[in-house]
Amino acid sequence: MRYRSQSVAYWYFAAAMVLFGLQIVFGLLSATKYLGPDPLLYILPFDVTKVIHTNLLIVWVLTGFMGATYWMVPDESRTELHSVKLAYIQLVLWLLMGVSAVIGYLFRYGTGNKLLEQPLPHKLVIVVCMVIFLYNIGMTIWKSRRFTTTEGVLVLGIGSAAVLFFPALFEYKNYVVSIFYRWWTIHLWVEGVWEMIQGGFMAYLLIRLSGADREVMEKWLYVIVGLVFIAGIIGTAHHYYWIGVPGYWLPIGGIFSALEPLALAGMAIYAYSAIRRSGLSHPNTLALHWTVGSALFTLFGAGLLGLAHTWPSVNKWTHGTLITAMHGHAAFYGAYAMIVMAMISYALPALCPQRRESGTALGYWAFWLQIVGMFGMTLSFATAGIGQVYLERILGLGYLDTQLKIQVHFLMLVATGSVFAAGVAAFIVDFFRYAPRFEVSEEKAPDPDGRSLLAARA
């Protein structure tokens, strides 16, 4: 750890891990409800467990983004964080908002707007937290007088995410209008500016872990950001197919949805070229696993599977089915969950000096169990979704009759989900097994110009 204020990141990471564990619990609970009698039907029905599962995903990933930013920005700017106190105030407010929102969902207290179910008071707290966050990061960069491209893309992504939350603050009486503007937040987050955040973290990690030239990495970053703006933002139109908007959105959505995988392919090539050039020379190979894994799984889940079901002639059959869940689980995990775990794996040896930099055996088990489990879950959702589309939307069977005929795929889902949950549990245990000790040590820090310590010594 090069700067004492980077220790703030540990508490954000710790909170993210607890929320991640809770998300998995509610996800498994939701999946088991498909399999038969539900003893919790009148206590925790499916609609409640699903809302909590999806909202915990958003909250823990954003918590991880915040912690990773509080680690990365001082390192890139070569200065202490502007205000550690503000960072802790922000964390307390954020967690109070998240916990009280989840408790509220148990009592049906929410707006009903998918993924934006938070009541208005909670949304206002989110705005306050984002203002504190942007101010703290902005002042840190300002006082350092050092602003890298990697840092700039990250801050642009975070700032854009904050701005794009504003449509979620308004209540729309018309359902079509409500859904139209909901995608301005949800799609433009997860298929737009969040990809810029991922790109910023990935560039930082590849520069630090691979010893790759900063100029080369930043040129790749410009390409990725350009593709995100061209394809990801206009590609919002692929959500407009069936909500009553004018027909011209159909070709726009189809064309730009087909272009979206280009940004993700660029990110995968970008990671592969950096590692191929330098090899696995950095001692923190666990962080390298998560970093490269994020690039490749993003291309698979967000890119290829997204294209496979958002093309208009396909989406008219698959929209709102388990095919959507197939794409959503793989995309979110590869793009955002994995990059947060990459940043945690990179920072943790400095935050817990007794931990081996190369990673622990439990850490590698966590990586492979999660990869295998998520791939199995993706296949389970895919096969269940194909069966659902054929039986329900082509043959015309009723929803419940269809569900009975695809039960075997939900058995597969629960089995592979349990493997994934074991991987998450292993990662969380590995995170907390060593107590933090915040020591500033120049010797263990990577070279600020982007070369790994090993390369610098050579």
Protein backbone atom coordinates (compact mmCIF):
# COMPACT_ATOMS: atom_id res chain seq x y z
CA MET A 1 0.00 0.00 0.00
CA ARG A 2 1.62 3.24 -1.16
CA TYR A 3 -0.80 5.67 0.52
CA ARG A 4 -2.43 5.32 3.93
CA SER A 5 -5.80 6.60 2.71
CA GLN A 6 -6.05 3.62 0.36
CA SER A 7 -7.04 1.60 3.45
CA VAL A 8 -10.57 3.01 2.98
CA ALA A 9 -10.94 0.56 0.10
CA TYR A 10 -10.80 -2.43 2.46
CA TRP A 11 -14.03 -1.48 4.24
CA TYR A 12 -15.84 -0.97 0.95
CA PHE A 13 -14.59 -4.35 -0.23
CA ALA A 14 -15.67 -5.97 3.06
CA ALA A 15 -19.18 -4.50 2.75
CA ALA A 16 -19.36 -5.63 -0.89
CA MET A 17 -18.45 -9.20 0.11
CA VAL A 18 -21.19 -9.38 2.74
CA LEU A 19 -23.76 -8.06 0.26
CA PHE A 20 -22.47 -10.47 -2.41
CA GLY A 21 -23.04 -13.39 -0.05
CA LEU A 22 -26.59 -12.23 0.70
CA GLN A 23 -27.30 -11.85 -3.01
CA ILE A 24 -26.31 -15.47 -3.63
CA VAL A 25 -28.53 -16.67 -0.77
CA PHE A 26 -31.58 -14.93 -2.25
CA GLY A 27 -30.66 -16.11 -5.75
CA LEU A 28 -30.56 -19.77 -4.72
CA LEU A 29 -33.78 -19.30 -2.76
CA SER A 30 -35.45 -17.87 -5.88
CA ALA A 31 -34.25 -20.79 -8.03
CA THR A 32 -35.53 -23.46 -5.63
CA LYS A 33 -39.01 -21.94 -5.76
CA TYR A 34 -39.35 -23.33 -9.31
CA LEU A 35 -38.93 -26.91 -8.11
CA GLY A 36 -42.04 -27.63 -6.09
CA PRO A 37 -43.95 -26.79 -2.90
CA ASP A 38 -42.72 -23.55 -1.36
CA PRO A 39 -42.94 -23.50 2.45
CA LEU A 40 -42.00 -19.78 2.43
CA LEU A 41 -44.70 -18.82 -0.10
CA TYR A 42 -46.53 -16.41 2.22
CA ILE A 43 -43.39 -15.14 3.97
CA LEU A 44 -40.86 -14.74 1.13
CA PRO A 45 -42.67 -15.20 -2.20
CA PHE A 46 -40.74 -15.30 -5.46
CA ASP A 47 -41.38 -11.67 -6.39
CA VAL A 48 -39.81 -10.49 -3.12
CA THR A 49 -36.75 -12.79 -3.23
CA LYS A 50 -36.10 -11.88 -6.87
CA VAL A 51 -36.30 -8.14 -6.16
CA ILE A 52 -33.87 -8.50 -3.26
CA HIS A 53 -31.55 -10.68 -5.36
CA THR A 54 -31.33 -8.21 -8.25
CA ASN A 55 -31.09 -5.11 -6.07
CA LEU A 56 -28.34 -6.61 -3.92
CA LEU A 57 -26.44 -7.23 -7.16
CA ILE A 58 -26.59 -3.55 -8.08
CA VAL A 59 -25.67 -2.40 -4.57
CA TRP A 60 -22.72 -4.73 -4.01
CA VAL A 61 -21.22 -4.13 -7.46
CA LEU A 62 -21.44 -0.35 -6.97
CA THR A 63 -19.92 -0.74 -3.49
CA GLY A 64 -17.07 -2.69 -5.08
CA PHE A 65 -16.65 0.01 -7.76
CA MET A 66 -16.38 2.67 -5.05
CA GLY A 67 -13.82 0.72 -3.06
CA ALA A 68 -11.77 -0.05 -6.17
CA THR A 69 -11.83 3.62 -7.15
CA TYR A 70 -10.66 4.67 -3.69
CA TRP A 71 -7.77 2.26 -4.14
CA MET A 72 -6.90 3.17 -7.72
CA VAL A 73 -7.19 6.98 -7.79
CA PRO A 74 -4.58 7.71 -5.07
CA ASP A 75 -2.25 5.23 -6.77
CA GLU A 76 -2.71 6.81 -10.19
CA SER A 77 -2.64 10.40 -8.89
CA ARG A 78 0.29 9.69 -6.55
CA THR A 79 -1.32 11.41 -3.61
CA GLU A 80 -3.44 10.74 -0.55
CA LEU A 81 -7.22 10.74 -0.85
CA HIS A 82 -8.73 14.19 -0.39
CA SER A 83 -10.90 13.22 2.62
CA VAL A 84 -10.93 9.84 4.35
CA LYS A 85 -13.70 11.12 6.63
CA LEU A 86 -15.98 11.85 3.67
CA ALA A 87 -15.32 8.38 2.28
CA TYR A 88 -16.45 6.77 5.55
CA ILE A 89 -19.53 9.01 5.77
CA GLN A 90 -20.41 7.98 2.23
CA LEU A 91 -20.01 4.28 3.11
CA VAL A 92 -22.27 4.56 6.18
CA LEU A 93 -24.98 6.40 4.23
CA TRP A 94 -24.72 3.94 1.36
CA LEU A 95 -25.07 0.88 3.58
CA LEU A 96 -27.96 2.40 5.55
CA MET A 97 -29.73 3.05 2.26
CA GLY A 98 -29.08 -0.47 0.97
CA VAL A 99 -30.03 -2.34 4.14
CA SER A 100 -33.20 -0.28 4.76
CA ALA A 101 -34.24 -0.74 1.10
CA VAL A 102 -33.92 -4.54 1.40
CA ILE A 103 -35.92 -4.53 4.63
CA GLY A 104 -38.52 -2.38 2.89
CA TYR A 105 -38.85 -4.89 0.05
CA LEU A 106 -39.78 -7.54 2.62
CA PHE A 107 -42.80 -5.38 3.46
CA ARG A 108 -43.57 -4.51 -0.20
CA TYR A 109 -42.20 -0.98 0.19
CA GLY A 110 -40.95 -0.04 -3.27
CA THR A 111 -41.85 1.58 -6.56
CA GLY A 112 -42.27 -1.62 -8.60
CA ASN A 113 -40.01 -0.27 -11.36
CA LYS A 114 -37.72 -3.22 -12.12
CA LEU A 115 -34.16 -2.74 -10.82
CA LEU A 116 -35.14 0.77 -9.69
CA GLU A 117 -37.57 -0.29 -6.96
CA GLN A 118 -35.98 2.01 -4.37
CA PRO A 119 -38.46 4.52 -2.89
CA LEU A 120 -37.73 8.21 -3.53
CA PRO A 121 -36.05 8.88 -0.12
CA HIS A 122 -33.60 6.07 -0.81
CA LYS A 123 -32.91 7.39 -4.30
CA LEU A 124 -32.13 10.81 -2.86
CA VAL A 125 -29.61 9.20 -0.50
CA ILE A 126 -28.04 7.51 -3.54
CA VAL A 127 -27.67 10.94 -5.16
CA VAL A 128 -26.05 12.35 -2.01
CA CYS A 129 -23.62 9.42 -1.88
CA MET A 130 -22.67 9.87 -5.53
CA VAL A 131 -22.10 13.62 -5.04
CA ILE A 132 -19.82 12.92 -2.06
CA PHE A 133 -17.99 10.26 -4.06
CA LEU A 134 -17.43 12.41 -7.13
CA TYR A 135 -16.36 15.40 -5.04
CA ASN A 136 -13.85 13.32 -3.08
CA ILE A 137 -12.37 11.72 -6.19
CA GLY A 138 -12.39 14.99 -8.14
CA MET A 139 -10.60 16.91 -5.39
CA THR A 140 -8.01 14.14 -5.05
CA ILE A 141 -7.16 14.39 -8.73
CA TRP A 142 -7.30 18.19 -8.70
CA LYS A 143 -4.81 18.61 -5.87
CA SER A 144 -2.43 16.04 -7.41
CA ARG A 145 -2.27 17.86 -10.77
CA ARG A 146 -1.81 14.41 -12.37
CA PHE A 147 -4.58 13.00 -14.54
CA THR A 148 -4.01 9.81 -16.51
CA THR A 149 -6.18 8.52 -19.34
CA THR A 150 -6.97 5.40 -17.33
CA GLU A 151 -8.16 7.57 -14.47
CA GLY A 152 -10.07 9.82 -16.82
CA VAL A 153 -12.06 6.97 -18.38
CA LEU A 154 -12.90 5.64 -14.92
CA VAL A 155 -14.08 9.02 -13.64
CA LEU A 156 -16.03 9.69 -16.86
CA GLY A 157 -17.80 6.36 -16.41
CA ILE A 158 -18.61 7.02 -12.74
CA GLY A 159 -19.76 10.59 -13.43
CA SER A 160 -21.95 9.45 -16.33
CA ALA A 161 -23.48 6.73 -14.16
CA ALA A 162 -24.42 9.38 -11.60
CA VAL A 163 -25.98 11.66 -14.24
CA LEU A 164 -27.90 8.78 -15.83
CA PHE A 165 -29.52 7.98 -12.48
CA PHE A 166 -31.59 11.18 -12.64
CA PRO A 167 -34.37 9.75 -14.91
CA ALA A 168 -34.98 7.20 -12.14
CA LEU A 169 -35.92 9.99 -9.71
CA PHE A 170 -39.14 10.83 -11.57
CA GLU A 171 -42.44 9.00 -11.44
CA TYR A 172 -44.20 8.43 -14.76
CA LYS A 173 -47.91 7.63 -14.84
CA ASN A 174 -47.78 6.20 -18.35
CA TYR A 175 -46.29 2.69 -18.40
CA VAL A 176 -44.64 3.08 -21.82
CA VAL A 177 -43.00 6.36 -20.81
CA SER A 178 -41.85 4.80 -17.54
CA ILE A 179 -40.23 1.82 -19.29
CA PHE A 180 -38.73 4.10 -21.97
CA TYR A 181 -36.88 6.23 -19.41
CA ARG A 182 -36.04 3.28 -17.17
CA TRP A 183 -33.69 2.02 -19.86
CA TRP A 184 -31.95 5.39 -19.84
CA THR A 185 -30.65 4.37 -16.45
CA ILE A 186 -30.47 0.57 -16.57
CA HIS A 187 -29.23 -0.04 -20.12
CA LEU A 188 -26.97 2.99 -20.23
CA TRP A 189 -25.45 1.81 -16.98
CA VAL A 190 -24.89 -1.86 -17.69
CA GLU A 191 -24.27 -1.72 -21.46
CA GLY A 192 -22.76 1.74 -21.60
CA VAL A 193 -20.93 3.69 -18.93
CA TRP A 194 -20.29 0.73 -16.61
CA GLU A 195 -18.25 -0.77 -19.43
CA MET A 196 -16.10 2.36 -19.27
CA ILE A 197 -15.63 1.76 -15.54
CA GLN A 198 -14.65 -1.84 -16.29
CA GLY A 199 -12.26 -0.63 -18.98
CA GLY A 200 -10.63 1.83 -16.58
CA PHE A 201 -10.06 -0.86 -13.95
CA MET A 202 -8.85 -3.33 -16.55
CA ALA A 203 -6.34 -0.87 -17.99
CA TYR A 204 -5.03 -0.11 -14.48
CA LEU A 205 -4.68 -3.81 -13.66
CA LEU A 206 -3.02 -4.75 -16.94
CA ILE A 207 -0.53 -1.90 -16.65
CA ARG A 208 0.31 -2.94 -13.09
CA LEU A 209 0.20 -6.71 -13.55
CA SER A 210 1.60 -7.23 -17.04
CA GLY A 211 4.16 -4.46 -17.23
CA ALA A 212 2.52 -3.39 -20.48
CA ASP A 213 3.32 0.01 -21.91
CA ARG A 214 0.89 2.63 -20.61
CA GLU A 215 0.61 4.41 -23.97
CA VAL A 216 -0.36 1.19 -25.76
CA MET A 217 -2.95 0.32 -23.11
CA GLU A 218 -4.46 3.79 -23.21
CA LYS A 219 -4.77 3.71 -27.01
CA TRP A 220 -6.75 0.47 -26.66
CA LEU A 221 -8.86 2.23 -24.04
CA TYR A 222 -9.74 5.02 -26.49
CA VAL A 223 -10.92 2.38 -28.98
CA ILE A 224 -13.09 0.65 -26.38
CA VAL A 225 -14.62 3.91 -25.14
CA GLY A 226 -15.39 4.95 -28.71
CA LEU A 227 -17.12 1.65 -29.42
CA VAL A 228 -19.11 1.90 -26.17
CA PHE A 229 -20.39 5.33 -27.16
CA ILE A 230 -21.24 4.33 -30.71
CA ALA A 231 -22.79 0.93 -30.08
CA GLY A 232 -23.69 0.69 -26.40
CA ILE A 233 -25.50 3.99 -26.06
CA ILE A 234 -27.52 3.92 -29.28
CA GLY A 235 -28.04 0.19 -28.72
CA THR A 236 -30.49 1.15 -25.95
CA ALA A 237 -33.03 0.91 -28.77
CA HIS A 238 -33.06 -2.90 -28.57
CA HIS A 239 -35.15 -2.53 -25.40
CA TYR A 240 -37.75 -0.46 -27.24
CA TYR A 241 -39.00 -3.23 -29.53
CA TRP A 242 -42.20 -4.11 -27.74
CA ILE A 243 -43.22 -1.16 -25.53
CA GLY A 244 -45.28 0.83 -28.02
CA VAL A 245 -42.69 3.23 -29.44
CA PRO A 246 -42.43 4.04 -33.18
CA GLY A 247 -41.29 1.25 -35.51
CA TYR A 248 -38.06 2.96 -36.58
CA TRP A 249 -36.50 1.82 -33.28
CA LEU A 250 -36.54 -1.77 -34.54
CA PRO A 251 -33.77 -1.46 -37.21
CA ILE A 252 -31.80 0.98 -35.02
CA GLY A 253 -31.88 -1.47 -32.13
CA GLY A 254 -30.96 -4.39 -34.36
CA ILE A 255 -28.00 -2.71 -36.05
CA PHE A 256 -26.42 -1.21 -32.96
CA SER A 257 -27.05 -4.28 -30.83
CA ALA A 258 -25.06 -6.22 -33.42
CA LEU A 259 -22.20 -3.72 -33.03
CA GLU A 260 -22.08 -3.91 -29.22
CA PRO A 261 -19.90 -7.05 -29.09
CA LEU A 262 -17.15 -5.13 -30.93
CA ALA A 263 -16.32 -3.15 -27.79
CA LEU A 264 -16.27 -6.34 -25.74
CA ALA A 265 -14.15 -8.16 -28.33
CA GLY A 266 -11.76 -5.19 -28.23
CA MET A 267 -11.53 -5.53 -24.46
CA ALA A 268 -10.76 -9.26 -24.71
CA ILE A 269 -8.08 -8.69 -27.39
CA TYR A 270 -6.71 -5.84 -25.32
CA ALA A 271 -6.27 -8.12 -22.27
CA TYR A 272 -4.90 -11.01 -24.30
CA SER A 273 -2.33 -8.88 -26.13
CA ALA A 274 -1.05 -7.39 -22.87
CA ILE A 275 -0.59 -10.80 -21.26
CA ARG A 276 0.88 -12.35 -24.41
CA ARG A 277 3.45 -9.56 -24.61
CA SER A 278 4.63 -9.86 -21.02
CA GLY A 279 3.56 -13.33 -19.85
CA LEU A 280 2.57 -14.05 -16.26
CA SER A 281 5.64 -12.39 -14.77
CA HIS A 282 3.87 -10.53 -11.98
CA PRO A 283 3.68 -12.53 -8.73
CA ASN A 284 -0.04 -11.81 -8.23
CA THR A 285 -1.26 -14.44 -10.67
CA LEU A 286 -4.63 -14.70 -8.91
CA ALA A 287 -5.45 -11.08 -9.83
CA LEU A 288 -4.33 -11.86 -13.39
CA HIS A 289 -6.74 -14.80 -13.50
CA TRP A 290 -9.65 -12.56 -12.53
CA THR A 291 -8.60 -9.76 -14.90
CA VAL A 292 -8.22 -11.88 -18.03
CA GLY A 293 -11.23 -13.97 -16.98
CA SER A 294 -13.33 -10.81 -16.81
CA ALA A 295 -12.38 -9.83 -20.37
CA LEU A 296 -13.11 -13.28 -21.81
CA PHE A 297 -16.31 -13.95 -19.87
CA THR A 298 -17.59 -10.49 -20.80
CA LEU A 299 -17.11 -11.30 -24.48
CA PHE A 300 -19.00 -14.58 -23.97
CA GLY A 301 -21.84 -13.42 -21.70
CA ALA A 302 -22.42 -9.79 -22.64
CA GLY A 303 -21.22 -9.96 -26.23
CA LEU A 304 -22.03 -13.28 -27.89
CA LEU A 305 -25.02 -14.29 -25.76
CA GLY A 306 -26.37 -10.74 -25.88
CA LEU A 307 -26.21 -10.69 -29.67
CA ALA A 308 -27.73 -14.17 -29.82
CA HIS A 309 -31.01 -13.00 -28.32
CA THR A 310 -31.36 -9.25 -28.96
CA TRP A 311 -31.53 -9.45 -32.76
CA PRO A 312 -35.14 -8.44 -33.60
CA SER A 313 -36.17 -11.63 -35.39
CA VAL A 314 -34.97 -13.67 -32.40
CA ASN A 315 -35.96 -11.30 -29.62
CA LYS A 316 -39.61 -11.37 -30.62
CA TRP A 317 -39.61 -14.97 -29.31
CA THR A 318 -37.09 -14.77 -26.46
CA HIS A 319 -37.99 -11.42 -24.88
CA GLY A 320 -38.94 -11.86 -21.23
CA THR A 321 -38.08 -15.56 -21.11
CA LEU A 322 -35.32 -17.49 -19.35
CA ILE A 323 -33.08 -16.66 -22.33
CA THR A 324 -32.92 -13.15 -20.87
CA ALA A 325 -31.79 -14.63 -17.55
CA MET A 326 -29.11 -16.62 -19.42
CA HIS A 327 -27.65 -13.47 -20.93
CA GLY A 328 -28.09 -11.35 -17.80
CA HIS A 329 -26.33 -13.70 -15.39
CA ALA A 330 -23.32 -14.34 -17.63
CA ALA A 331 -23.00 -10.67 -18.64
CA PHE A 332 -23.19 -9.16 -15.15
CA TYR A 333 -20.83 -11.75 -13.72
CA GLY A 334 -18.17 -11.45 -16.41
CA ALA A 335 -18.21 -7.69 -16.83
CA TYR A 336 -18.72 -6.40 -13.31
CA ALA A 337 -18.49 -9.07 -10.61
CA MET A 338 -15.22 -10.45 -11.97
CA ILE A 339 -13.55 -7.05 -12.40
CA VAL A 340 -14.45 -6.13 -8.80
CA MET A 341 -12.93 -9.42 -7.61
CA ALA A 342 -9.87 -8.70 -9.77
CA MET A 343 -9.38 -5.34 -8.05
CA ILE A 344 -9.90 -6.95 -4.63
CA SER A 345 -7.39 -9.71 -5.43
CA TYR A 346 -4.86 -7.12 -6.56
CA ALA A 347 -5.25 -4.83 -3.55
CA LEU A 348 -5.67 -7.44 -0.80
CA PRO A 349 -2.00 -8.47 -0.37
CA ALA A 350 -1.16 -4.83 0.35
CA LEU A 351 -4.11 -4.41 2.74
CA CYS A 352 -3.34 -7.71 4.52
CA PRO A 353 0.49 -8.03 4.40
CA GLN A 354 0.49 -11.55 5.85
CA ARG A 355 -1.30 -12.79 2.73
CA ARG A 356 0.86 -14.28 -0.05
CA GLU A 357 0.92 -12.03 -3.10
CA SER A 358 0.52 -14.96 -5.48
CA GLY A 359 -2.81 -15.84 -3.85
CA THR A 360 -3.95 -18.74 -1.71
CA ALA A 361 -5.13 -22.20 -2.72
CA LEU A 362 -8.61 -21.25 -1.50
CA GLY A 363 -8.52 -18.18 -3.74
CA TYR A 364 -7.86 -20.31 -6.83
CA TRP A 365 -10.60 -22.76 -5.81
CA ALA A 366 -12.94 -19.76 -5.56
CA PHE A 367 -12.02 -18.67 -9.09
CA TRP A 368 -12.52 -22.05 -10.76
CA LEU A 369 -15.65 -23.00 -8.80
CA GLN A 370 -17.26 -19.70 -9.80
CA ILE A 371 -16.28 -20.08 -13.45
CA VAL A 372 -17.58 -23.65 -13.65
CA GLY A 373 -20.73 -22.81 -11.68
CA MET A 374 -21.60 -19.74 -13.72
CA PHE A 375 -20.98 -21.54 -17.01
CA GLY A 376 -23.27 -24.34 -15.83
CA MET A 377 -25.93 -21.85 -14.73
CA THR A 378 -25.74 -20.15 -18.12
CA LEU A 379 -26.26 -23.46 -19.92
CA SER A 380 -29.14 -24.35 -17.57
CA PHE A 381 -30.90 -21.06 -18.25
CA ALA A 382 -30.23 -21.47 -21.99
CA THR A 383 -31.70 -24.98 -22.27
CA ALA A 384 -34.66 -24.07 -20.04
CA GLY A 385 -35.22 -20.91 -22.08
CA ILE A 386 -35.13 -22.71 -25.43
CA GLY A 387 -37.66 -25.22 -24.13
CA GLN A 388 -39.81 -22.42 -22.76
CA VAL A 389 -39.82 -20.49 -26.03
CA TYR A 390 -40.75 -23.57 -28.08
CA LEU A 391 -43.43 -24.93 -25.75
CA GLU A 392 -44.99 -21.65 -24.65
CA ARG A 393 -44.58 -19.27 -27.56
CA ILE A 394 -44.61 -21.60 -30.55
CA LEU A 395 -46.78 -24.54 -29.46
CA GLY A 396 -48.95 -22.32 -27.26
CA LEU A 397 -48.80 -24.25 -23.97
CA GLY A 398 -49.70 -22.36 -20.83
CA TYR A 399 -47.03 -20.94 -18.56
CA LEU A 400 -47.50 -23.47 -15.73
CA ASP A 401 -47.69 -26.45 -18.10
CA THR A 402 -44.45 -25.28 -19.66
CA GLN A 403 -42.77 -24.92 -16.28
CA LEU A 404 -43.63 -28.52 -15.40
CA LYS A 405 -41.96 -29.77 -18.57
CA ILE A 406 -38.68 -27.89 -18.00
CA GLN A 407 -38.22 -28.83 -14.33
CA VAL A 408 -35.11 -30.89 -15.07
CA HIS A 409 -33.32 -27.74 -16.19
CA PHE A 410 -34.08 -26.08 -12.87
CA LEU A 411 -32.56 -29.08 -11.08
CA MET A 412 -29.46 -28.42 -13.18
CA LEU A 413 -29.69 -24.72 -12.31
CA VAL A 414 -29.81 -25.36 -8.56
CA ALA A 415 -26.95 -27.88 -8.82
CA THR A 416 -24.66 -25.57 -10.79
CA GLY A 417 -25.80 -22.57 -8.73
CA SER A 418 -24.67 -24.46 -5.63
CA VAL A 419 -21.23 -24.93 -7.20
CA PHE A 420 -21.12 -21.21 -7.92
CA ALA A 421 -22.26 -20.42 -4.36
CA ALA A 422 -19.44 -22.60 -3.03
CA GLY A 423 -16.99 -20.53 -5.09
CA VAL A 424 -18.45 -17.28 -3.73
CA ALA A 425 -18.27 -18.64 -0.18
CA ALA A 426 -14.62 -19.61 -0.75
CA PHE A 427 -13.81 -16.10 -2.02
CA ILE A 428 -15.53 -14.46 0.97
CA VAL A 429 -13.80 -16.77 3.49
CA ASP A 430 -10.47 -16.13 1.76
CA PHE A 431 -11.12 -12.38 1.95
CA PHE A 432 -11.79 -12.37 5.69
CA ARG A 433 -9.31 -15.07 6.77
CA TYR A 434 -6.48 -12.55 7.22
CA ALA A 435 -6.92 -9.46 9.37
CA PRO A 436 -6.15 -6.14 7.67
CA ARG A 437 -2.99 -4.31 8.66
CA PHE A 438 -2.63 -0.99 6.95
CA GLU A 439 1.08 -0.45 6.47
CA VAL A 440 2.56 1.97 3.97
CA SER A 441 5.33 0.12 2.15
CA GLU A 442 7.14 1.55 -0.84
CA GLU A 443 8.97 -1.73 -1.42
CA LYS A 444 5.80 -3.68 -2.24
CA ALA A 445 4.30 -0.97 -4.43
CA PRO A 446 4.27 -1.33 -8.21
CA ASP A 447 6.24 1.15 -10.22
CA PRO A 448 3.94 4.15 -10.86
CA ASP A 449 4.88 4.32 -14.53
CA GLY A 450 3.26 0.98 -15.15
CA ARG A 451 6.06 -1.56 -14.92
CA SER A 452 5.71 -4.37 -12.44
CA LEU A 453 8.19 -4.48 -9.59
CA LEU A 454 9.68 -7.63 -11.09
CA ALA A 455 10.22 -5.94 -14.44
CA ALA A 456 11.67 -2.84 -12.77
CA ARG A 457 14.22 -4.95 -10.88
CA ALA A 458 15.17 -6.80 -14.04
